[in-house]
Every structure is written in structure tokens, then in C-alpha cells.
Protein backbone atom coordinates (compact mmCIF):
# COMPACT_ATOMS: atom_id res chain seq x y z
CA MET A 1 -0.26 0.31 -0.01
CA THR A 2 1.13 3.65 -0.99
CA MET A 3 0.47 6.43 0.16
CA SER A 4 0.28 10.19 -0.55
CA ARG A 5 2.94 12.27 1.46
CA ARG A 6 0.63 14.68 2.46
CA THR A 7 -1.65 11.29 4.54
CA MET A 8 2.63 10.56 6.06
CA LEU A 9 2.66 14.42 6.45
CA GLY A 10 -0.54 13.66 8.47
CA LEU A 11 0.42 10.95 10.58
CA THR A 12 3.78 11.93 11.25
CA LEU A 13 2.60 14.95 12.42
CA ALA A 14 -0.38 13.47 14.25
CA ALA A 15 2.81 11.85 15.73
CA LEU A 16 4.19 14.71 17.54
CA ALA A 17 1.42 16.29 18.47
CA PRO A 18 1.26 16.07 22.74
CA THR A 19 -1.20 14.25 24.64
CA PRO A 20 -3.36 15.76 27.14
CA ALA A 21 0.02 15.35 29.76
CA LEU A 22 2.41 17.08 27.96
CA ALA A 23 0.43 19.75 26.73
CA CYS A 24 2.12 22.96 26.32
CA PRO A 25 1.29 27.10 25.76
CA ASN A 26 -0.07 27.23 22.26
CA TRP A 27 0.09 30.31 20.66
CA ARG A 28 -2.48 29.08 17.58
CA GLY A 29 -5.21 29.28 20.72
CA THR A 30 -8.15 31.25 20.44
CA PRO A 31 -7.46 34.34 23.50
CA HIS A 32 -9.39 33.73 26.94
CA PHE A 33 -9.89 37.59 27.06
CA GLY A 34 -9.82 38.31 23.55
CA SER A 35 -7.22 40.98 21.85
CA ILE A 36 -6.25 44.48 21.04
CA ARG A 37 -4.65 45.75 18.00
CA LEU A 38 -2.77 48.36 19.63
CA ASN A 39 0.12 50.95 16.96
CA ALA A 40 2.52 52.96 18.19
CA GLY A 41 1.48 56.37 20.16
CA PHE A 42 -2.85 54.60 21.12
CA GLN A 43 -4.37 56.78 22.91
CA PRO A 44 -5.46 56.44 26.40
CA ASP A 45 -2.02 55.12 27.58
CA PRO A 46 -2.25 52.70 29.37
CA TYR A 47 -4.07 50.13 27.86
CA VAL A 48 -5.99 48.29 30.78
CA ARG A 49 -8.41 44.62 30.41
CA ASN A 50 -9.53 43.14 33.67
CA ILE A 51 -8.19 39.37 33.03
CA THR A 52 -8.49 36.73 35.22
CA ALA A 53 -4.30 34.82 35.83
CA GLY A 54 -3.78 30.49 36.36
CA GLY A 55 -3.50 27.96 34.73
CA THR A 56 -2.68 24.09 35.03
CA ILE A 57 -0.05 24.04 32.41
CA ALA A 58 3.81 23.62 34.23
CA LEU A 59 5.93 25.98 32.63
CA ASN A 60 9.15 23.66 34.01
CA ARG A 61 8.20 20.32 31.94
CA CYS A 62 7.87 22.93 28.58
CA PHE A 63 10.79 25.30 28.77
CA THR A 64 13.78 25.76 30.60
CA GLY A 65 15.83 28.14 31.60
CA GLY A 66 13.81 28.62 34.65
CA TYR A 67 10.33 28.90 33.70
CA GLN A 68 8.48 28.83 36.41
CA GLY A 69 4.28 28.70 36.89
CA PHE A 70 1.36 27.76 35.13
CA VAL A 71 -0.81 28.79 32.62
CA THR A 72 -3.73 27.69 30.52
CA GLN A 73 -2.27 25.90 27.18
CA ARG A 74 -4.29 28.75 25.35
CA PRO A 75 -2.70 32.15 24.90
CA ASP A 76 -5.06 34.61 27.34
CA PHE A 77 -4.45 37.89 25.18
CA ASP A 78 -3.63 38.62 22.21
CA LEU A 79 -1.89 42.03 21.04
CA TYR A 80 -1.65 42.64 17.28
CA TRP A 81 1.22 45.71 17.76
CA GLY A 82 1.93 48.04 14.92
CA GLY A 83 3.85 50.79 14.54
CA SER A 84 7.13 52.26 15.87
CA ALA A 85 8.24 53.06 19.73
CA SER A 86 10.99 52.92 22.02
CA GLN A 87 9.35 51.04 24.04
CA LEU A 88 6.08 48.86 25.49
CA THR A 89 5.38 47.02 27.81
CA ILE A 90 3.12 43.97 28.59
CA ALA A 91 2.43 44.25 32.71
CA VAL A 92 0.10 42.06 35.37
CA GLU A 93 -1.53 43.71 38.50
CA CYS A 94 -3.02 40.72 40.73
CA PRO A 95 -3.08 41.97 44.43
CA ARG A 96 -3.84 38.06 45.34
CA ALA A 97 -1.63 36.27 43.88
CA ASP A 98 1.87 35.87 42.74
CA ALA A 99 1.03 36.46 38.91
CA ILE A 100 3.82 35.04 36.22
CA LEU A 101 4.38 36.23 32.77
CA LEU A 102 4.46 34.24 29.53
CA VAL A 103 4.88 36.58 25.93
CA SER A 104 5.92 34.94 22.57
CA ASP A 105 6.61 37.67 20.06
CA PRO A 106 5.99 37.75 16.38
CA ASN A 107 9.56 36.31 15.97
CA GLY A 108 8.43 32.90 17.90
CA GLY A 109 10.47 33.94 20.46
CA TRP A 110 9.22 33.36 24.05
CA TYR A 111 9.81 35.70 27.40
CA TYR A 112 9.34 35.16 30.52
CA ASN A 113 9.24 37.12 33.94
CA ASP A 114 8.18 36.56 37.37
CA ASP A 115 8.51 39.16 39.94
CA TYR A 116 9.40 42.52 38.21
CA ARG A 117 7.10 44.39 40.93
CA GLY A 118 6.06 42.68 44.06
CA THR A 119 4.61 40.04 42.86
CA ASN A 120 3.67 41.38 39.43
CA PRO A 121 5.11 40.35 36.57
CA ALA A 122 6.27 42.98 33.68
CA LEU A 123 8.09 42.12 30.17
CA LYS A 124 9.27 45.43 28.67
CA PHE A 125 10.29 45.01 24.42
CA THR A 126 12.98 47.26 23.05
CA ASN A 127 11.33 48.57 19.89
CA PRO A 128 9.27 46.34 20.25
CA ILE A 129 8.77 44.76 15.90
CA THR A 130 5.29 44.80 14.44
CA GLY A 131 3.05 41.76 15.16
CA LEU A 132 1.02 39.20 16.73
CA TYR A 133 1.92 39.14 20.88
CA ASP A 134 0.47 35.88 22.18
CA ILE A 135 0.08 36.99 26.72
CA TRP A 136 -0.41 33.73 29.36
CA ILE A 137 -1.18 35.11 32.89
CA GLY A 138 -0.80 32.76 35.26
CA SER A 139 0.14 31.97 38.55
CA TYR A 140 3.40 30.95 40.47
CA ASP A 141 1.70 27.91 42.52
CA GLY A 142 -0.99 26.88 39.59
CA SER A 143 -4.03 28.38 41.65
CA ARG A 144 -6.89 29.69 39.17
CA ARG A 145 -9.36 32.82 39.37
CA ASN A 146 -7.22 34.88 40.45
CA PRO A 147 -8.67 38.61 39.17
CA GLY A 148 -6.58 40.95 38.07
CA ARG A 149 -5.47 43.93 34.92
CA LEU A 150 -3.60 43.43 32.09
CA VAL A 151 -1.39 46.96 31.49
CA ILE A 152 0.03 47.51 27.66
CA THR A 153 1.30 51.08 28.24
CA GLU A 154 3.75 52.73 26.29
CA TYR A 155 5.04 54.67 28.80
CA ASN A 156 7.83 53.89 31.60
CA TYR A 157 6.50 50.89 33.81
């Protein structure tokens, strides 16, 4: 029996797909809390969105380099960034939990922060590139349903 190239590729990809136990953040997922398109110089600045921090996927099983905490498989929020700016900061304010922040940039790079200001994380992108930034807002200890705010700004944070 001969298989087409497409069939073989499909079988190979299916064999490589993560099982639920090995699930990791997937930037292709539909974000839990929506998305926004912002351009350099956007107003009002900062942009603030209510979110819920937490998840069940352990980052240390998906990444090396000290990524700790728990997120959901789908992103929490998608930022479509355009224009030219000297900096862009993505931050989380979560008063009742030790939040963590995971971002995938338009080039496919992964960025992580745990404690930028107290237990609240933030990531500053210098000269941010245009494109999609997928954002995960998790918790350090695996707790879920922690109310908080996503903050996006061009100002110093």
C-alpha cells in the first residue's frame, strides 16, 4: 500500500502532537480574554483589561531556563502591535496571587517574568517589532481564577 506525501505528513504530525498530559502553551489557540490592535502612540495609554490569572500547565515541563508557574494552553490575550515605538511594556497586576507572565513575540521568541514589581510581572520590549504578541497570565503556585489586570503601555512602568 502506498501513501501520499500528505497522508504521511499527517501521520507524522499526529504522532508528534502533544498529549493532554504533555500540553504546553500554544500560540495558535483562541485567546480567553480577547485581543486588541494597538499602534505606536495609542491613546488612552495605558490600555487596561480585566483578566483572570492561573492555569494547570506547568511551564517547567515545556521550557528550560527557569520558567516556573502554571498557565492555560491557549493564550489569555492577543496584542496586534503596529508602528514604531522606543518601548512597549506588558504587565500584570494581580493583588491576590503571585502572577507570572509569558509572551510569545512576532518572531516566535518566548519571554517570561515572575516578579517585576513585588509579585507582579512585567516585560519591557525595546523597539518592539510589528506583529502578534500572544500573552499568557499564569500563577506561580498553580492557583486559578485570580482576578487581575493586564496593562499595556509605551510609558515607563
